[in-house]
Amino acid sequence: MGEVLSTGMGTLAAGPPPRGVGIRIVGLAKAFGEVQVLRDLTLEVHPGETFVIIGASGCGKTVLLKHLLGLLRPDAGQILIDGAPVANPGEPKRYRIGMVFQSGALFSSLTVGENVGLWLKEHRVADDGAIERIVTEKLALVGLADKKHLMPSELSGGMRKRVAIARALATDPDLMLYDEPTAELDPVMTDHIAEEIVDLKGRFRITSVVVTHDLNMGCYVADRMGMLHEGRLVEVGTPEQIRRSTNPVVRAFITTQTKGMGGA
């Protein structure tokens, strides 16, 4: 079993501590049959930055995340993470990625603690006692240390999302990917998840990419944002720059998001 290290970030599996990694995407294109999903997409995300990709459903946000994970191969273009091309699934990487899926994707037959510790157990990074401590630590980060023995069915939707975040953190990632982390949540729980994302960035300084159709949540957590439309990034800037954009596509999205709220 692997050695366990204790650092200022808590108890970590053996290996280097997490660090923010840079992402460089150049000319990315992807089609499924005759449907062109991504078109000549170019983007740079800085180490330690939280970059939010906004856009309507079906604009290619999740497809982009799957390329970052190496689950899809582009038809054209290149993705570099930490200066190296994204490896194919199964190939070793010199960085770790944590993924928070839109549905949470928890295993219904496992307890909360077993879900969070699954990667650690499968990769045998520590003995059972150390894994138990890591699981408790990561659940504590999202305020759920006392829910370890519950089943996912016993949790609210917001709690399941927070368990999914804890599970991703258990890998001590250098890069966190969030796919619609507040989908199907009420406004109060949406605020809680947004605060979790901001708090984790402040604690660990890892790089994060968040895709969402929720403009307000995106503006709250982002250092910078990009608007994805018909497979292209039509604008990139700070949340304030995006809100003040004169681009008609961005303005239409903002207007749709803020109807009945007095505008952006």
C-alpha atoms as a PDB file:
ATOM      1  CA  MET A   1       0.000   0.000   0.000  1.00  0.00           C
ATOM      2  CA  GLY A   2       1.134   3.530  -0.660  1.00  0.00           C
ATOM      3  CA  GLU A   3       2.523   5.869   1.913  1.00  0.00           C
ATOM      4  CA  VAL A   4       0.310   8.724   3.064  1.00  0.00           C
ATOM      5  CA  LEU A   5       1.691  12.236   3.419  1.00  0.00           C
ATOM      6  CA  SER A   6       0.412  15.036   5.615  1.00  0.00           C
ATOM      7  CA  THR A   7       0.750  18.584   4.289  1.00  0.00           C
ATOM      8  CA  GLY A   8      -0.766  21.974   4.900  1.00  0.00           C
ATOM      9  CA  MET A   9      -3.606  20.897   2.604  1.00  0.00           C
ATOM     10  CA  GLY A  10      -4.494  17.890   4.709  1.00  0.00           C
ATOM     11  CA  THR A  11      -3.793  14.212   4.308  1.00  0.00           C
ATOM     12  CA  LEU A  12      -2.777  13.332   0.758  1.00  0.00           C
ATOM     13  CA  ALA A  13      -1.976  10.166  -1.087  1.00  0.00           C
ATOM     14  CA  ALA A  14       1.724   9.658  -1.792  1.00  0.00           C
ATOM     15  CA  GLY A  15       3.036  11.852  -4.583  1.00  0.00           C
ATOM     16  CA  PRO A  16       3.482  15.553  -5.271  1.00  0.00           C
ATOM     17  CA  PRO A  17       0.910  17.987  -3.822  1.00  0.00           C
ATOM     18  CA  PRO A  18      -1.741  19.371  -6.180  1.00  0.00           C
ATOM     19  CA  ARG A  19      -0.791  22.375  -8.280  1.00  0.00           C
ATOM     20  CA  GLY A  20      -2.682  24.412 -10.808  1.00  0.00           C
ATOM     21  CA  VAL A  21      -1.911  23.381 -14.389  1.00  0.00           C
ATOM     22  CA  GLY A  22      -2.265  25.442 -17.533  1.00  0.00           C
ATOM     23  CA  ILE A  23      -4.494  24.477 -20.469  1.00  0.00           C
ATOM     24  CA  ARG A  24      -3.885  25.480 -24.086  1.00  0.00           C
ATOM     25  CA  ILE A  25      -6.418  24.623 -26.773  1.00  0.00           C
ATOM     26  CA  VAL A  26      -5.627  25.450 -30.398  1.00  0.00           C
ATOM     27  CA  GLY A  27      -7.982  25.038 -33.350  1.00  0.00           C
ATOM     28  CA  LEU A  28     -10.128  22.334 -31.719  1.00  0.00           C
ATOM     29  CA  ALA A  29     -12.784  20.852 -33.983  1.00  0.00           C
ATOM     30  CA  LYS A  30     -15.175  17.946 -33.481  1.00  0.00           C
ATOM     31  CA  ALA A  31     -18.098  16.632 -35.488  1.00  0.00           C
ATOM     32  CA  PHE A  32     -20.500  13.748 -34.944  1.00  0.00           C
ATOM     33  CA  GLY A  33     -21.641  12.698 -38.388  1.00  0.00           C
ATOM     34  CA  GLU A  34     -22.806  15.825 -40.172  1.00  0.00           C
ATOM     35  CA  VAL A  35     -23.224  17.802 -36.944  1.00  0.00           C
ATOM     36  CA  GLN A  36     -20.256  20.095 -36.282  1.00  0.00           C
ATOM     37  CA  VAL A  37     -20.131  20.500 -32.486  1.00  0.00           C
ATOM     38  CA  LEU A  38     -16.826  22.345 -31.977  1.00  0.00           C
ATOM     39  CA  ARG A  39     -15.375  24.712 -34.573  1.00  0.00           C
ATOM     40  CA  ASP A  40     -11.810  26.034 -34.545  1.00  0.00           C
ATOM     41  CA  LEU A  41     -11.938  26.579 -30.764  1.00  0.00           C
ATOM     42  CA  THR A  42      -8.874  28.268 -29.275  1.00  0.00           C
ATOM     43  CA  LEU A  43      -8.499  29.009 -25.551  1.00  0.00           C
ATOM     44  CA  GLU A  44      -5.850  29.384 -22.855  1.00  0.00           C
ATOM     45  CA  VAL A  45      -6.605  28.765 -19.169  1.00  0.00           C
ATOM     46  CA  HIS A  46      -3.953  29.932 -16.723  1.00  0.00           C
ATOM     47  CA  PRO A  47      -2.616  27.799 -13.839  1.00  0.00           C
ATOM     48  CA  GLY A  48      -4.754  28.277 -10.732  1.00  0.00           C
ATOM     49  CA  GLU A  49      -7.517  30.060 -12.650  1.00  0.00           C
ATOM     50  CA  THR A  50     -11.232  29.311 -12.482  1.00  0.00           C
ATOM     51  CA  PHE A  51     -12.478  29.562 -16.049  1.00  0.00           C
ATOM     52  CA  VAL A  52     -16.214  29.344 -16.687  1.00  0.00           C
ATOM     53  CA  ILE A  53     -17.730  28.408 -20.032  1.00  0.00           C
ATOM     54  CA  ILE A  54     -21.288  29.631 -20.449  1.00  0.00           C
ATOM     55  CA  GLY A  55     -23.720  28.859 -23.215  1.00  0.00           C
ATOM     56  CA  ALA A  56     -27.089  27.373 -24.026  1.00  0.00           C
ATOM     57  CA  SER A  57     -27.750  23.641 -23.932  1.00  0.00           C
ATOM     58  CA  GLY A  58     -26.282  21.811 -26.911  1.00  0.00           C
ATOM     59  CA  CYS A  59     -23.596  24.382 -27.676  1.00  0.00           C
ATOM     60  CA  GLY A  60     -20.708  21.940 -27.066  1.00  0.00           C
ATOM     61  CA  LYS A  61     -19.772  22.585 -23.432  1.00  0.00           C
ATOM     62  CA  THR A  62     -19.795  18.965 -22.272  1.00  0.00           C
ATOM     63  CA  VAL A  63     -18.095  17.795 -25.466  1.00  0.00           C
ATOM     64  CA  LEU A  64     -15.255  20.188 -24.660  1.00  0.00           C
ATOM     65  CA  LEU A  65     -14.910  18.717 -21.158  1.00  0.00           C
ATOM     66  CA  LYS A  66     -14.750  15.206 -22.618  1.00  0.00           C
ATOM     67  CA  HIS A  67     -11.841  16.327 -24.784  1.00  0.00           C
ATOM     68  CA  LEU A  68     -10.032  17.677 -21.710  1.00  0.00           C
ATOM     69  CA  LEU A  69     -10.548  14.292 -20.041  1.00  0.00           C
ATOM     70  CA  GLY A  70      -9.213  12.475 -23.092  1.00  0.00           C
ATOM     71  CA  LEU A  71     -12.525  10.652 -23.587  1.00  0.00           C
ATOM     72  CA  LEU A  72     -12.896  12.119 -27.075  1.00  0.00           C
ATOM     73  CA  ARG A  73     -10.274  12.713 -29.742  1.00  0.00           C
ATOM     74  CA  PRO A  74     -10.547  15.899 -31.814  1.00  0.00           C
ATOM     75  CA  ASP A  75     -10.990  15.859 -35.563  1.00  0.00           C
ATOM     76  CA  ALA A  76      -8.542  18.765 -35.734  1.00  0.00           C
ATOM     77  CA  GLY A  77      -6.525  20.898 -33.358  1.00  0.00           C
ATOM     78  CA  GLN A  78      -4.678  20.148 -30.154  1.00  0.00           C
ATOM     79  CA  ILE A  79      -5.111  20.329 -26.388  1.00  0.00           C
ATOM     80  CA  LEU A  80      -2.103  20.775 -24.106  1.00  0.00           C
ATOM     81  CA  ILE A  81      -2.433  20.386 -20.335  1.00  0.00           C
ATOM     82  CA  ASP A  82       0.632  21.225 -18.272  1.00  0.00           C
ATOM     83  CA  GLY A  83       2.497  21.658 -21.567  1.00  0.00           C
ATOM     84  CA  ALA A  84       1.846  18.125 -22.834  1.00  0.00           C
ATOM     85  CA  PRO A  85      -0.747  16.814 -25.306  1.00  0.00           C
ATOM     86  CA  VAL A  86      -3.778  15.241 -23.665  1.00  0.00           C
ATOM     87  CA  ALA A  87      -3.077  11.522 -23.346  1.00  0.00           C
ATOM     88  CA  ASN A  88      -5.421   8.838 -24.580  1.00  0.00           C
ATOM     89  CA  PRO A  89      -7.461   7.009 -21.920  1.00  0.00           C
ATOM     90  CA  GLY A  90      -5.256   4.580 -20.037  1.00  0.00           C
ATOM     91  CA  GLU A  91      -2.011   6.415 -20.765  1.00  0.00           C
ATOM     92  CA  PRO A  92      -0.149   7.839 -17.757  1.00  0.00           C
ATOM     93  CA  LYS A  93      -0.473  11.546 -17.055  1.00  0.00           C
ATOM     94  CA  ARG A  94       1.770  13.798 -14.986  1.00  0.00           C
ATOM     95  CA  TYR A  95      -1.272  15.639 -13.612  1.00  0.00           C
ATOM     96  CA  ARG A  96      -4.505  14.517 -11.963  1.00  0.00           C
ATOM     97  CA  ILE A  97      -8.013  15.542 -13.014  1.00  0.00           C
ATOM     98  CA  GLY A  98     -11.080  15.567 -10.774  1.00  0.00           C
ATOM     99  CA  MET A  99     -14.451  15.491 -12.532  1.00  0.00           C
ATOM    100  CA  VAL A 100     -17.822  16.506 -11.104  1.00  0.00           C
ATOM    101  CA  PHE A 101     -20.531  15.170 -13.398  1.00  0.00           C
ATOM    102  CA  GLN A 102     -23.854  16.907 -13.982  1.00  0.00           C
ATOM    103  CA  SER A 103     -25.805  14.020 -12.449  1.00  0.00           C
ATOM    104  CA  GLY A 104     -23.320  13.512  -9.602  1.00  0.00           C
ATOM    105  CA  ALA A 105     -22.806   9.957 -10.938  1.00  0.00           C
ATOM    106  CA  LEU A 106     -22.664   8.366  -7.487  1.00  0.00           C
ATOM    107  CA  PHE A 107     -22.926   4.587  -7.206  1.00  0.00           C
ATOM    108  CA  SER A 108     -26.300   3.900  -5.610  1.00  0.00           C
ATOM    109  CA  SER A 109     -25.128   0.610  -4.070  1.00  0.00           C
ATOM    110  CA  LEU A 110     -22.233   2.257  -2.186  1.00  0.00           C
ATOM    111  CA  THR A 111     -22.372   4.471   0.880  1.00  0.00           C
ATOM    112  CA  VAL A 112     -21.293   8.104   0.700  1.00  0.00           C
ATOM    113  CA  GLY A 113     -17.916   7.194   2.217  1.00  0.00           C
ATOM    114  CA  GLU A 114     -17.425   4.270  -0.157  1.00  0.00           C
ATOM    115  CA  ASN A 115     -18.183   6.512  -3.140  1.00  0.00           C
ATOM    116  CA  VAL A 116     -15.609   9.091  -2.037  1.00  0.00           C
ATOM    117  CA  GLY A 117     -12.954   6.476  -1.289  1.00  0.00           C
ATOM    118  CA  LEU A 118     -13.500   4.323  -4.372  1.00  0.00           C
ATOM    119  CA  TRP A 119     -10.612   5.741  -6.446  1.00  0.00           C
ATOM    120  CA  LEU A 120      -8.236   5.501  -3.484  1.00  0.00           C
ATOM    121  CA  LYS A 121      -9.181   1.878  -2.854  1.00  0.00           C
ATOM    122  CA  GLU A 122      -9.017   0.871  -6.516  1.00  0.00           C
ATOM    123  CA  HIS A 123      -5.556   2.415  -6.915  1.00  0.00           C
ATOM    124  CA  ARG A 124      -4.334   1.149  -3.539  1.00  0.00           C
ATOM    125  CA  VAL A 125      -2.756   4.468  -2.608  1.00  0.00           C
ATOM    126  CA  ALA A 126      -3.060   3.822   1.136  1.00  0.00           C
ATOM    127  CA  ASP A 127      -4.223   1.263   3.676  1.00  0.00           C
ATOM    128  CA  ASP A 128      -7.846   1.115   4.802  1.00  0.00           C
ATOM    129  CA  GLY A 129      -7.292   3.249   7.882  1.00  0.00           C
ATOM    130  CA  ALA A 130      -5.596   6.010   5.906  1.00  0.00           C
ATOM    131  CA  ILE A 131      -8.310   5.920   3.237  1.00  0.00           C
ATOM    132  CA  GLU A 132     -10.935   6.300   5.953  1.00  0.00           C
ATOM    133  CA  ARG A 133      -9.156   9.420   7.249  1.00  0.00           C
ATOM    134  CA  ILE A 134      -8.866  10.896   3.738  1.00  0.00           C
ATOM    135  CA  VAL A 135     -12.560  10.250   3.056  1.00  0.00           C
ATOM    136  CA  THR A 136     -13.562  11.941   6.308  1.00  0.00           C
ATOM    137  CA  GLU A 137     -11.300  14.900   5.511  1.00  0.00           C
ATOM    138  CA  LYS A 138     -12.681  15.426   2.011  1.00  0.00           C
ATOM    139  CA  LEU A 139     -16.284  15.114   3.194  1.00  0.00           C
ATOM    140  CA  ALA A 140     -15.531  17.639   5.932  1.00  0.00           C
ATOM    141  CA  LEU A 141     -14.363  20.096   3.274  1.00  0.00           C
ATOM    142  CA  VAL A 142     -17.874  20.073   1.800  1.00  0.00           C
ATOM    143  CA  GLY A 143     -19.647  19.963   5.163  1.00  0.00           C
ATOM    144  CA  LEU A 144     -20.754  16.319   5.022  1.00  0.00           C
ATOM    145  CA  ALA A 145     -18.409  14.474   7.375  1.00  0.00           C
ATOM    146  CA  ASP A 146     -21.393  13.180   9.367  1.00  0.00           C
ATOM    147  CA  LYS A 147     -23.064  11.694   6.253  1.00  0.00           C
ATOM    148  CA  LYS A 148     -20.366   9.131   5.498  1.00  0.00           C
ATOM    149  CA  HIS A 149     -22.481   6.082   6.306  1.00  0.00           C
ATOM    150  CA  LEU A 150     -25.624   7.171   4.435  1.00  0.00           C
ATOM    151  CA  MET A 151     -26.649   5.923   0.992  1.00  0.00           C
ATOM    152  CA  PRO A 152     -26.925   8.410  -1.902  1.00  0.00           C
ATOM    153  CA  SER A 153     -30.710   7.871  -1.961  1.00  0.00           C
ATOM    154  CA  GLU A 154     -30.881   9.341   1.549  1.00  0.00           C
ATOM    155  CA  LEU A 155     -29.342  12.650   0.445  1.00  0.00           C
ATOM    156  CA  SER A 156     -30.815  15.742  -1.169  1.00  0.00           C
ATOM    157  CA  GLY A 157     -29.737  16.703  -4.684  1.00  0.00           C
ATOM    158  CA  GLY A 158     -27.397  19.380  -3.348  1.00  0.00           C
ATOM    159  CA  MET A 159     -25.782  16.953  -0.926  1.00  0.00           C
ATOM    160  CA  ARG A 160     -25.172  14.465  -3.731  1.00  0.00           C
ATOM    161  CA  LYS A 161     -23.406  17.184  -5.721  1.00  0.00           C
ATOM    162  CA  ARG A 162     -21.226  17.963  -2.703  1.00  0.00           C
ATOM    163  CA  VAL A 163     -20.378  14.271  -2.298  1.00  0.00           C
ATOM    164  CA  ALA A 164     -19.371  14.254  -5.975  1.00  0.00           C
ATOM    165  CA  ILE A 165     -17.053  17.206  -5.288  1.00  0.00           C
ATOM    166  CA  ALA A 166     -15.540  15.385  -2.290  1.00  0.00           C
ATOM    167  CA  ARG A 167     -14.983  12.294  -4.449  1.00  0.00           C
ATOM    168  CA  ALA A 168     -13.179  14.387  -7.053  1.00  0.00           C
ATOM    169  CA  LEU A 169     -11.037  15.998  -4.334  1.00  0.00           C
ATOM    170  CA  ALA A 170     -10.024  12.567  -3.027  1.00  0.00           C
ATOM    171  CA  THR A 171      -7.739  12.220  -6.063  1.00  0.00           C
ATOM    172  CA  ASP A 172      -5.896  15.430  -5.020  1.00  0.00           C
ATOM    173  CA  PRO A 173      -6.455  16.890  -8.496  1.00  0.00           C
ATOM    174  CA  ASP A 174      -4.369  19.518 -10.240  1.00  0.00           C
ATOM    175  CA  LEU A 175      -7.372  20.307 -12.453  1.00  0.00           C
ATOM    176  CA  MET A 176     -11.066  20.225 -11.502  1.00  0.00           C
ATOM    177  CA  LEU A 177     -13.771  19.979 -14.178  1.00  0.00           C
ATOM    178  CA  TYR A 178     -17.384  20.780 -13.310  1.00  0.00           C
ATOM    179  CA  ASP A 179     -20.193  19.862 -15.717  1.00  0.00           C
ATOM    180  CA  GLU A 180     -23.303  21.926 -14.878  1.00  0.00           C
ATOM    181  CA  PRO A 181     -22.645  21.613 -11.106  1.00  0.00           C
ATOM    182  CA  THR A 182     -25.859  23.438 -10.150  1.00  0.00           C
ATOM    183  CA  ALA A 183     -28.241  21.831 -12.639  1.00  0.00           C
ATOM    184  CA  GLU A 184     -31.645  20.940 -11.128  1.00  0.00           C
ATOM    185  CA  LEU A 185     -30.807  22.616  -7.811  1.00  0.00           C
ATOM    186  CA  ASP A 186     -32.905  25.285  -6.105  1.00  0.00           C
ATOM    187  CA  PRO A 187     -31.459  28.809  -5.708  1.00  0.00           C
ATOM    188  CA  VAL A 188     -30.348  28.251  -2.110  1.00  0.00           C
ATOM    189  CA  MET A 189     -28.459  25.047  -2.925  1.00  0.00           C
ATOM    190  CA  THR A 190     -27.046  26.665  -6.086  1.00  0.00           C
ATOM    191  CA  ASP A 191     -25.527  29.356  -3.857  1.00  0.00           C
ATOM    192  CA  HIS A 192     -24.040  26.685  -1.572  1.00  0.00           C
ATOM    193  CA  ILE A 193     -22.380  24.861  -4.469  1.00  0.00           C
ATOM    194  CA  ALA A 194     -21.030  28.120  -5.906  1.00  0.00           C
ATOM    195  CA  GLU A 195     -19.553  28.999  -2.512  1.00  0.00           C
ATOM    196  CA  GLU A 196     -17.951  25.537  -2.332  1.00  0.00           C
ATOM    197  CA  ILE A 197     -16.246  26.077  -5.702  1.00  0.00           C
ATOM    198  CA  VAL A 198     -14.907  29.474  -4.644  1.00  0.00           C
ATOM    199  CA  ASP A 199     -13.779  28.178  -1.254  1.00  0.00           C
ATOM    200  CA  LEU A 200     -11.933  25.206  -2.760  1.00  0.00           C
ATOM    201  CA  LYS A 201     -10.117  27.473  -5.206  1.00  0.00           C
ATOM    202  CA  GLY A 202      -9.036  29.675  -2.293  1.00  0.00           C
ATOM    203  CA  ARG A 203      -7.794  26.691  -0.307  1.00  0.00           C
ATOM    204  CA  PHE A 204      -5.957  24.747  -2.988  1.00  0.00           C
ATOM    205  CA  ARG A 205      -5.238  27.119  -5.925  1.00  0.00           C
ATOM    206  CA  ILE A 206      -5.914  24.332  -8.405  1.00  0.00           C
ATOM    207  CA  THR A 207      -7.117  25.093 -11.917  1.00  0.00           C
ATOM    208  CA  SER A 208     -10.863  24.741 -12.470  1.00  0.00           C
ATOM    209  CA  VAL A 209     -13.025  24.685 -15.591  1.00  0.00           C
ATOM    210  CA  VAL A 210     -16.763  25.062 -15.008  1.00  0.00           C
ATOM    211  CA  VAL A 211     -19.380  24.684 -17.730  1.00  0.00           C
ATOM    212  CA  THR A 212     -22.814  26.075 -16.994  1.00  0.00           C
ATOM    213  CA  HIS A 213     -25.840  27.750 -18.503  1.00  0.00           C
ATOM    214  CA  ASP A 214     -26.319  29.666 -15.206  1.00  0.00           C
ATOM    215  CA  LEU A 215     -24.909  33.148 -15.818  1.00  0.00           C
ATOM    216  CA  ASN A 216     -25.167  34.359 -12.220  1.00  0.00           C
ATOM    217  CA  MET A 217     -23.401  31.318 -10.774  1.00  0.00           C
ATOM    218  CA  GLY A 218     -20.749  31.534 -13.490  1.00  0.00           C
ATOM    219  CA  CYS A 219     -20.058  35.193 -12.786  1.00  0.00           C
ATOM    220  CA  TYR A 220     -19.767  34.469  -9.068  1.00  0.00           C
ATOM    221  CA  VAL A 221     -17.117  31.742  -9.327  1.00  0.00           C
ATOM    222  CA  ALA A 222     -15.155  32.854 -12.413  1.00  0.00           C
ATOM    223  CA  ASP A 223     -11.847  34.637 -12.777  1.00  0.00           C
ATOM    224  CA  ARG A 224     -12.591  34.708 -16.514  1.00  0.00           C
ATOM    225  CA  MET A 225     -15.442  33.457 -18.656  1.00  0.00           C
ATOM    226  CA  GLY A 226     -16.009  32.408 -22.236  1.00  0.00           C
ATOM    227  CA  MET A 227     -19.266  32.323 -24.199  1.00  0.00           C
ATOM    228  CA  LEU A 228     -19.632  29.204 -26.356  1.00  0.00           C
ATOM    229  CA  HIS A 229     -22.058  29.468 -29.253  1.00  0.00           C
ATOM    230  CA  GLU A 230     -22.484  26.976 -32.080  1.00  0.00           C
ATOM    231  CA  GLY A 231     -19.145  25.394 -31.194  1.00  0.00           C
ATOM    232  CA  ARG A 232     -17.145  28.620 -31.162  1.00  0.00           C
ATOM    233  CA  LEU A 233     -15.946  30.860 -28.344  1.00  0.00           C
ATOM    234  CA  VAL A 234     -17.511  34.146 -29.343  1.00  0.00           C
ATOM    235  CA  GLU A 235     -16.141  36.172 -26.415  1.00  0.00           C
ATOM    236  CA  VAL A 236     -13.727  35.788 -23.474  1.00  0.00           C
ATOM    237  CA  GLY A 237     -13.298  38.170 -20.552  1.00  0.00           C
ATOM    238  CA  THR A 238     -13.821  38.826 -16.873  1.00  0.00           C
ATOM    239  CA  PRO A 239     -17.365  38.454 -15.518  1.00  0.00           C
ATOM    240  CA  GLU A 240     -17.758  42.250 -15.663  1.00  0.00           C
ATOM    241  CA  GLN A 241     -16.554  42.371 -19.273  1.00  0.00           C
ATOM    242  CA  ILE A 242     -18.980  39.611 -20.248  1.00  0.00           C
ATOM    243  CA  ARG A 243     -21.885  41.358 -18.542  1.00  0.00           C
ATOM    244  CA  ARG A 244     -21.051  44.585 -20.412  1.00  0.00           C
ATOM    245  CA  SER A 245     -20.425  42.896 -23.757  1.00  0.00           C
ATOM    246  CA  THR A 246     -21.937  44.419 -26.890  1.00  0.00           C
ATOM    247  CA  ASN A 247     -21.650  41.123 -28.806  1.00  0.00           C
ATOM    248  CA  PRO A 248     -25.245  40.371 -29.940  1.00  0.00           C
ATOM    249  CA  VAL A 249     -24.939  36.649 -29.129  1.00  0.00           C
ATOM    250  CA  VAL A 250     -23.730  37.397 -25.593  1.00  0.00           C
ATOM    251  CA  ARG A 251     -26.370  40.102 -25.138  1.00  0.00           C
ATOM    252  CA  ALA A 252     -29.132  37.697 -26.210  1.00  0.00           C
ATOM    253  CA  PHE A 253     -27.929  35.090 -23.700  1.00  0.00           C
ATOM    254  CA  ILE A 254     -27.758  37.652 -20.889  1.00  0.00           C
ATOM    255  CA  THR A 255     -31.216  38.999 -21.728  1.00  0.00           C
ATOM    256  CA  THR A 256     -32.688  35.496 -21.606  1.00  0.00           C
ATOM    257  CA  GLN A 257     -31.016  34.845 -18.220  1.00  0.00           C
ATOM    258  CA  THR A 258     -32.188  38.116 -16.652  1.00  0.00           C
ATOM    259  CA  LYS A 259     -35.771  38.467 -17.872  1.00  0.00           C
ATOM    260  CA  GLY A 260     -37.927  39.783 -15.063  1.00  0.00           C
ATOM    261  CA  MET A 261     -34.838  40.684 -13.001  1.00  0.00           C
ATOM    262  CA  GLY A 262     -34.300  44.247 -14.219  1.00  0.00           C
ATOM    263  CA  GLY A 263     -31.607  43.396 -16.767  1.00  0.00           C
ATOM    264  CA  ALA A 264     -27.936  42.562 -16.357  1.00  0.00           C
END
